[in-house]
């Protein structure tokens, strides 16, 4: 909450355990923005060969710039996607490490 960020992470094991079907996670990232005080929502999901990130934001918070800079991504100011080839835990750690500076550079 101190970062105004909601984070949802699903591992490949989670997807297998709950019999994931394509489309099951569609739009999941948007739920985070419905929480009071949240200005950025992130969904990070592990696939067999890649980790995918999906970000959404409110206002003038350019999540496309964040993903372009740190996670091979792009998109629009308030909706963007990216990816990484490192392990899920490393991606989440890097995301959490980079977010504070990004948010500081774009105050509400």
N, C-alpha and C. Protein backbone atom coordinates (compact mmCIF):
# COMPACT_ATOMS: atom_id res chain seq x y z
N UNK A 1 0.80 -1.23 0.00
CA UNK A 1 0.00 0.00 0.00
C UNK A 1 0.83 1.27 0.00
N UNK A 2 2.02 1.25 0.64
CA UNK A 2 2.85 2.45 0.66
C UNK A 2 3.32 2.86 -0.73
N UNK A 3 3.29 1.95 -1.68
CA UNK A 3 3.67 2.28 -3.05
C UNK A 3 2.46 2.56 -3.94
N UNK A 4 1.26 2.38 -3.41
CA UNK A 4 0.07 2.57 -4.24
C UNK A 4 0.01 1.58 -5.38
N UNK A 5 0.52 0.38 -5.13
CA UNK A 5 0.64 -0.63 -6.18
C UNK A 5 0.04 -1.95 -5.73
N UNK A 6 -0.77 -2.55 -6.59
CA UNK A 6 -1.31 -3.89 -6.35
C UNK A 6 -0.52 -4.86 -7.23
N UNK A 7 -0.12 -5.98 -6.65
CA UNK A 7 0.69 -6.96 -7.37
C UNK A 7 0.05 -8.33 -7.26
N UNK A 8 -0.21 -8.95 -8.39
CA UNK A 8 -0.71 -10.33 -8.46
C UNK A 8 0.35 -11.14 -9.19
N UNK A 9 0.77 -12.25 -8.59
CA UNK A 9 1.79 -13.11 -9.17
C UNK A 9 1.26 -14.54 -9.23
N UNK A 10 1.36 -15.17 -10.38
CA UNK A 10 1.00 -16.57 -10.53
C UNK A 10 2.16 -17.34 -11.14
N UNK A 11 2.53 -18.42 -10.49
CA UNK A 11 3.59 -19.27 -11.02
C UNK A 11 3.00 -20.27 -12.01
N UNK A 12 3.85 -20.90 -12.77
CA UNK A 12 3.40 -21.95 -13.68
C UNK A 12 2.77 -23.10 -12.88
N UNK A 13 3.32 -23.39 -11.70
CA UNK A 13 2.74 -24.42 -10.84
C UNK A 13 1.32 -24.04 -10.42
N UNK A 14 1.08 -22.76 -10.10
CA UNK A 14 -0.26 -22.31 -9.77
C UNK A 14 -1.22 -22.57 -10.93
N UNK A 15 -0.78 -22.24 -12.12
CA UNK A 15 -1.63 -22.42 -13.30
C UNK A 15 -1.97 -23.89 -13.51
N UNK A 16 -0.98 -24.76 -13.34
CA UNK A 16 -1.22 -26.19 -13.50
C UNK A 16 -2.12 -26.73 -12.40
N UNK A 17 -1.87 -26.31 -11.17
CA UNK A 17 -2.64 -26.79 -10.02
C UNK A 17 -4.13 -26.48 -10.17
N UNK A 18 -4.44 -25.31 -10.74
CA UNK A 18 -5.83 -24.88 -10.86
C UNK A 18 -6.38 -25.05 -12.27
N UNK A 19 -5.72 -25.93 -13.05
CA UNK A 19 -6.20 -26.30 -14.38
C UNK A 19 -6.48 -25.08 -15.26
N UNK A 20 -5.51 -24.19 -15.32
CA UNK A 20 -5.60 -22.96 -16.12
C UNK A 20 -5.98 -23.28 -17.56
N UNK A 21 -6.89 -22.49 -18.09
CA UNK A 21 -7.26 -22.54 -19.49
C UNK A 21 -7.01 -21.16 -20.09
N UNK A 22 -6.58 -21.07 -21.35
CA UNK A 22 -6.36 -19.77 -21.96
C UNK A 22 -7.59 -18.87 -21.77
N UNK A 23 -7.31 -17.64 -21.35
CA UNK A 23 -8.38 -16.68 -21.13
C UNK A 23 -8.77 -16.55 -19.67
N UNK A 24 -8.40 -17.52 -18.83
CA UNK A 24 -8.78 -17.48 -17.41
C UNK A 24 -8.26 -16.25 -16.68
N UNK A 25 -7.11 -15.75 -17.06
CA UNK A 25 -6.52 -14.61 -16.37
C UNK A 25 -6.76 -13.29 -17.10
N UNK A 26 -7.51 -13.34 -18.18
CA UNK A 26 -7.79 -12.13 -18.97
C UNK A 26 -8.43 -11.07 -18.09
N UNK A 27 -7.86 -9.90 -18.07
CA UNK A 27 -8.41 -8.78 -17.32
C UNK A 27 -8.10 -8.79 -15.83
N UNK A 28 -7.42 -9.81 -15.34
CA UNK A 28 -7.12 -9.92 -13.91
C UNK A 28 -6.37 -8.70 -13.40
N UNK A 29 -5.46 -8.17 -14.19
CA UNK A 29 -4.66 -7.02 -13.77
C UNK A 29 -5.53 -5.81 -13.43
N UNK A 30 -6.68 -5.70 -14.07
CA UNK A 30 -7.54 -4.54 -13.85
C UNK A 30 -8.16 -4.49 -12.46
N UNK A 31 -8.30 -5.63 -11.81
CA UNK A 31 -8.91 -5.65 -10.47
C UNK A 31 -8.12 -4.82 -9.47
N UNK A 32 -6.81 -4.81 -9.61
CA UNK A 32 -5.99 -4.05 -8.67
C UNK A 32 -6.31 -2.57 -8.65
N UNK A 33 -6.70 -2.03 -9.79
CA UNK A 33 -7.00 -0.59 -9.86
C UNK A 33 -8.30 -0.23 -9.15
N UNK A 34 -9.11 -1.21 -8.80
CA UNK A 34 -10.36 -0.92 -8.10
C UNK A 34 -10.15 -0.75 -6.59
N UNK A 35 -8.94 -0.99 -6.11
CA UNK A 35 -8.63 -0.85 -4.69
C UNK A 35 -8.29 0.61 -4.40
N UNK A 36 -8.92 1.15 -3.37
CA UNK A 36 -8.68 2.54 -2.99
C UNK A 36 -7.19 2.76 -2.71
N UNK A 37 -6.65 3.84 -3.25
CA UNK A 37 -5.26 4.20 -3.03
C UNK A 37 -4.28 3.57 -3.99
N UNK A 38 -4.75 2.71 -4.88
CA UNK A 38 -3.87 2.05 -5.85
C UNK A 38 -3.85 2.86 -7.13
N UNK A 39 -2.65 3.18 -7.59
CA UNK A 39 -2.53 3.88 -8.87
C UNK A 39 -1.84 3.06 -9.94
N UNK A 40 -1.25 1.91 -9.53
CA UNK A 40 -0.66 1.00 -10.50
C UNK A 40 -0.98 -0.43 -10.09
N UNK A 41 -1.39 -1.24 -11.07
CA UNK A 41 -1.66 -2.65 -10.84
C UNK A 41 -0.74 -3.46 -11.74
N UNK A 42 -0.21 -4.54 -11.19
CA UNK A 42 0.71 -5.40 -11.95
C UNK A 42 0.27 -6.85 -11.84
N UNK A 43 0.34 -7.54 -12.96
CA UNK A 43 0.09 -8.98 -13.01
C UNK A 43 1.32 -9.61 -13.61
N UNK A 44 1.96 -10.49 -12.86
CA UNK A 44 3.16 -11.18 -13.33
C UNK A 44 2.84 -12.66 -13.34
N UNK A 45 3.00 -13.28 -14.51
CA UNK A 45 2.65 -14.70 -14.65
C UNK A 45 3.80 -15.45 -15.31
N UNK A 46 4.10 -16.60 -14.73
CA UNK A 46 5.17 -17.46 -15.25
C UNK A 46 4.58 -18.42 -16.27
N UNK A 47 5.21 -18.46 -17.41
CA UNK A 47 4.88 -19.44 -18.45
C UNK A 47 6.06 -20.40 -18.54
N UNK A 48 5.92 -21.52 -19.24
CA UNK A 48 7.03 -22.48 -19.27
C UNK A 48 8.37 -21.89 -19.74
N UNK A 49 8.34 -20.91 -20.65
CA UNK A 49 9.59 -20.41 -21.22
C UNK A 49 9.83 -18.92 -21.01
N UNK A 50 8.91 -18.24 -20.32
CA UNK A 50 9.01 -16.78 -20.19
C UNK A 50 8.14 -16.32 -19.02
N UNK A 51 8.48 -15.16 -18.49
CA UNK A 51 7.64 -14.52 -17.48
C UNK A 51 7.03 -13.29 -18.13
N UNK A 52 5.71 -13.16 -18.05
CA UNK A 52 5.02 -12.04 -18.67
C UNK A 52 4.54 -11.08 -17.61
N UNK A 53 4.61 -9.80 -17.92
CA UNK A 53 4.14 -8.75 -17.03
C UNK A 53 3.08 -7.94 -17.74
N UNK A 54 2.05 -7.57 -17.00
CA UNK A 54 1.00 -6.71 -17.51
C UNK A 54 0.77 -5.62 -16.46
N UNK A 55 0.83 -4.36 -16.87
CA UNK A 55 0.64 -3.25 -15.95
C UNK A 55 -0.50 -2.37 -16.42
N UNK A 56 -1.22 -1.81 -15.43
CA UNK A 56 -2.25 -0.82 -15.68
C UNK A 56 -2.03 0.31 -14.68
N UNK A 57 -2.43 1.51 -15.06
CA UNK A 57 -2.25 2.64 -14.15
C UNK A 57 -3.38 3.63 -14.31
N UNK A 58 -3.44 4.53 -13.33
CA UNK A 58 -4.40 5.63 -13.35
C UNK A 58 -3.65 6.93 -13.56
N UNK A 59 -4.32 7.90 -14.15
CA UNK A 59 -3.73 9.22 -14.31
C UNK A 59 -2.57 9.24 -15.28
N UNK A 60 -1.57 10.03 -14.93
CA UNK A 60 -0.43 10.25 -15.82
C UNK A 60 0.77 9.39 -15.45
N UNK A 61 0.53 8.17 -15.00
CA UNK A 61 1.61 7.26 -14.65
C UNK A 61 1.91 6.37 -15.85
N UNK A 62 3.02 6.64 -16.58
CA UNK A 62 3.30 5.95 -17.84
C UNK A 62 3.94 4.57 -17.66
N UNK A 63 3.09 3.57 -17.41
CA UNK A 63 3.62 2.22 -17.18
C UNK A 63 4.33 1.66 -18.40
N UNK A 64 4.00 2.16 -19.58
CA UNK A 64 4.72 1.71 -20.78
C UNK A 64 6.21 2.06 -20.68
N UNK A 65 6.53 3.22 -20.12
CA UNK A 65 7.93 3.62 -19.96
C UNK A 65 8.65 2.69 -18.99
N UNK A 66 8.00 2.31 -17.92
CA UNK A 66 8.59 1.40 -16.94
C UNK A 66 8.91 0.05 -17.59
N UNK A 67 7.95 -0.50 -18.31
CA UNK A 67 8.18 -1.81 -18.93
C UNK A 67 9.17 -1.75 -20.08
N UNK A 68 9.18 -0.66 -20.82
CA UNK A 68 10.17 -0.51 -21.89
C UNK A 68 11.58 -0.48 -21.30
N UNK A 69 11.75 0.23 -20.21
CA UNK A 69 13.06 0.40 -19.58
C UNK A 69 13.55 -0.88 -18.90
N UNK A 70 12.64 -1.62 -18.27
CA UNK A 70 13.08 -2.72 -17.41
C UNK A 70 12.69 -4.13 -17.86
N UNK A 71 11.67 -4.26 -18.72
CA UNK A 71 11.15 -5.59 -19.02
C UNK A 71 10.77 -5.80 -20.48
N UNK A 72 11.57 -5.30 -21.40
CA UNK A 72 11.37 -5.58 -22.82
C UNK A 72 9.93 -5.37 -23.27
N UNK A 73 9.33 -4.29 -22.82
CA UNK A 73 7.91 -4.11 -23.09
C UNK A 73 7.57 -2.81 -23.75
N UNK A 74 6.30 -2.54 -23.75
CA UNK A 74 5.77 -1.32 -24.33
C UNK A 74 4.26 -1.33 -24.24
N UNK A 75 3.67 -0.41 -24.91
CA UNK A 75 2.22 -0.30 -24.89
C UNK A 75 1.79 1.14 -24.82
N UNK A 76 0.79 1.41 -24.00
CA UNK A 76 0.25 2.75 -23.83
C UNK A 76 0.57 3.25 -22.44
N UNK A 77 0.37 4.52 -22.20
CA UNK A 77 0.68 5.11 -20.91
C UNK A 77 0.02 4.40 -19.74
N UNK A 78 -1.23 4.00 -19.90
CA UNK A 78 -1.96 3.39 -18.79
C UNK A 78 -2.17 1.88 -18.94
N UNK A 79 -1.63 1.29 -19.99
CA UNK A 79 -1.77 -0.16 -20.20
C UNK A 79 -0.58 -0.65 -21.02
N UNK A 80 0.18 -1.55 -20.41
CA UNK A 80 1.39 -2.01 -21.09
C UNK A 80 1.72 -3.44 -20.69
N UNK A 81 2.55 -4.07 -21.51
CA UNK A 81 3.00 -5.43 -21.24
C UNK A 81 4.48 -5.56 -21.50
N UNK A 82 5.07 -6.56 -20.86
CA UNK A 82 6.49 -6.84 -21.05
C UNK A 82 6.78 -8.28 -20.71
N UNK A 83 8.06 -8.65 -20.78
CA UNK A 83 8.44 -10.02 -20.49
C UNK A 83 9.90 -10.09 -20.05
N UNK A 84 10.25 -11.23 -19.47
CA UNK A 84 11.62 -11.49 -19.04
C UNK A 84 11.87 -12.98 -19.14
N UNK A 85 13.13 -13.34 -19.32
CA UNK A 85 13.49 -14.76 -19.44
C UNK A 85 14.10 -15.32 -18.17
N UNK A 86 14.19 -14.51 -17.13
CA UNK A 86 14.77 -14.99 -15.88
C UNK A 86 13.70 -15.66 -15.03
N UNK A 87 14.07 -16.33 -13.95
CA UNK A 87 13.09 -17.02 -13.09
C UNK A 87 12.08 -16.05 -12.48
N UNK A 88 10.89 -16.56 -12.19
CA UNK A 88 9.80 -15.75 -11.66
C UNK A 88 10.23 -14.96 -10.43
N UNK A 89 10.87 -15.60 -9.47
CA UNK A 89 11.27 -14.90 -8.24
C UNK A 89 12.19 -13.73 -8.54
N UNK A 90 13.08 -13.88 -9.51
CA UNK A 90 13.99 -12.80 -9.89
C UNK A 90 13.24 -11.64 -10.54
N UNK A 91 12.25 -11.97 -11.35
CA UNK A 91 11.45 -10.93 -12.00
C UNK A 91 10.68 -10.13 -10.96
N UNK A 92 10.05 -10.82 -10.02
CA UNK A 92 9.29 -10.14 -8.97
C UNK A 92 10.23 -9.27 -8.13
N UNK A 93 11.38 -9.81 -7.78
CA UNK A 93 12.36 -9.05 -6.99
C UNK A 93 12.80 -7.79 -7.73
N UNK A 94 13.09 -7.93 -9.01
CA UNK A 94 13.53 -6.78 -9.81
C UNK A 94 12.40 -5.76 -9.94
N UNK A 95 11.19 -6.23 -10.17
CA UNK A 95 10.03 -5.33 -10.25
C UNK A 95 9.91 -4.51 -8.97
N UNK A 96 9.94 -5.18 -7.83
CA UNK A 96 9.79 -4.48 -6.55
C UNK A 96 10.96 -3.54 -6.26
N UNK A 97 12.13 -3.87 -6.76
CA UNK A 97 13.30 -3.02 -6.57
C UNK A 97 13.21 -1.74 -7.41
N UNK A 98 12.66 -1.83 -8.61
CA UNK A 98 12.61 -0.70 -9.54
C UNK A 98 11.39 0.20 -9.36
N UNK A 99 10.31 -0.32 -8.82
CA UNK A 99 9.08 0.45 -8.70
C UNK A 99 9.21 1.73 -7.87
N UNK A 100 9.86 1.71 -6.70
CA UNK A 100 9.91 2.95 -5.91
C UNK A 100 10.50 4.15 -6.65
N UNK A 101 11.59 3.96 -7.36
CA UNK A 101 12.20 5.06 -8.10
C UNK A 101 11.28 5.53 -9.23
N UNK A 102 10.64 4.60 -9.90
CA UNK A 102 9.70 4.96 -10.98
C UNK A 102 8.56 5.80 -10.43
N UNK A 103 7.97 5.37 -9.32
CA UNK A 103 6.86 6.12 -8.74
C UNK A 103 7.30 7.47 -8.22
N UNK A 104 8.50 7.55 -7.67
CA UNK A 104 9.04 8.83 -7.20
C UNK A 104 9.22 9.82 -8.35
N UNK A 105 9.59 9.30 -9.50
CA UNK A 105 9.79 10.15 -10.68
C UNK A 105 8.46 10.61 -11.28
N UNK A 106 7.35 9.99 -10.86
CA UNK A 106 6.02 10.32 -11.38
C UNK A 106 5.05 10.46 -10.22
N UNK A 107 5.21 11.51 -9.41
CA UNK A 107 4.31 11.67 -8.26
C UNK A 107 2.87 11.88 -8.69
N UNK A 108 1.98 11.52 -7.80
CA UNK A 108 0.53 11.63 -8.09
C UNK A 108 0.11 13.08 -8.19
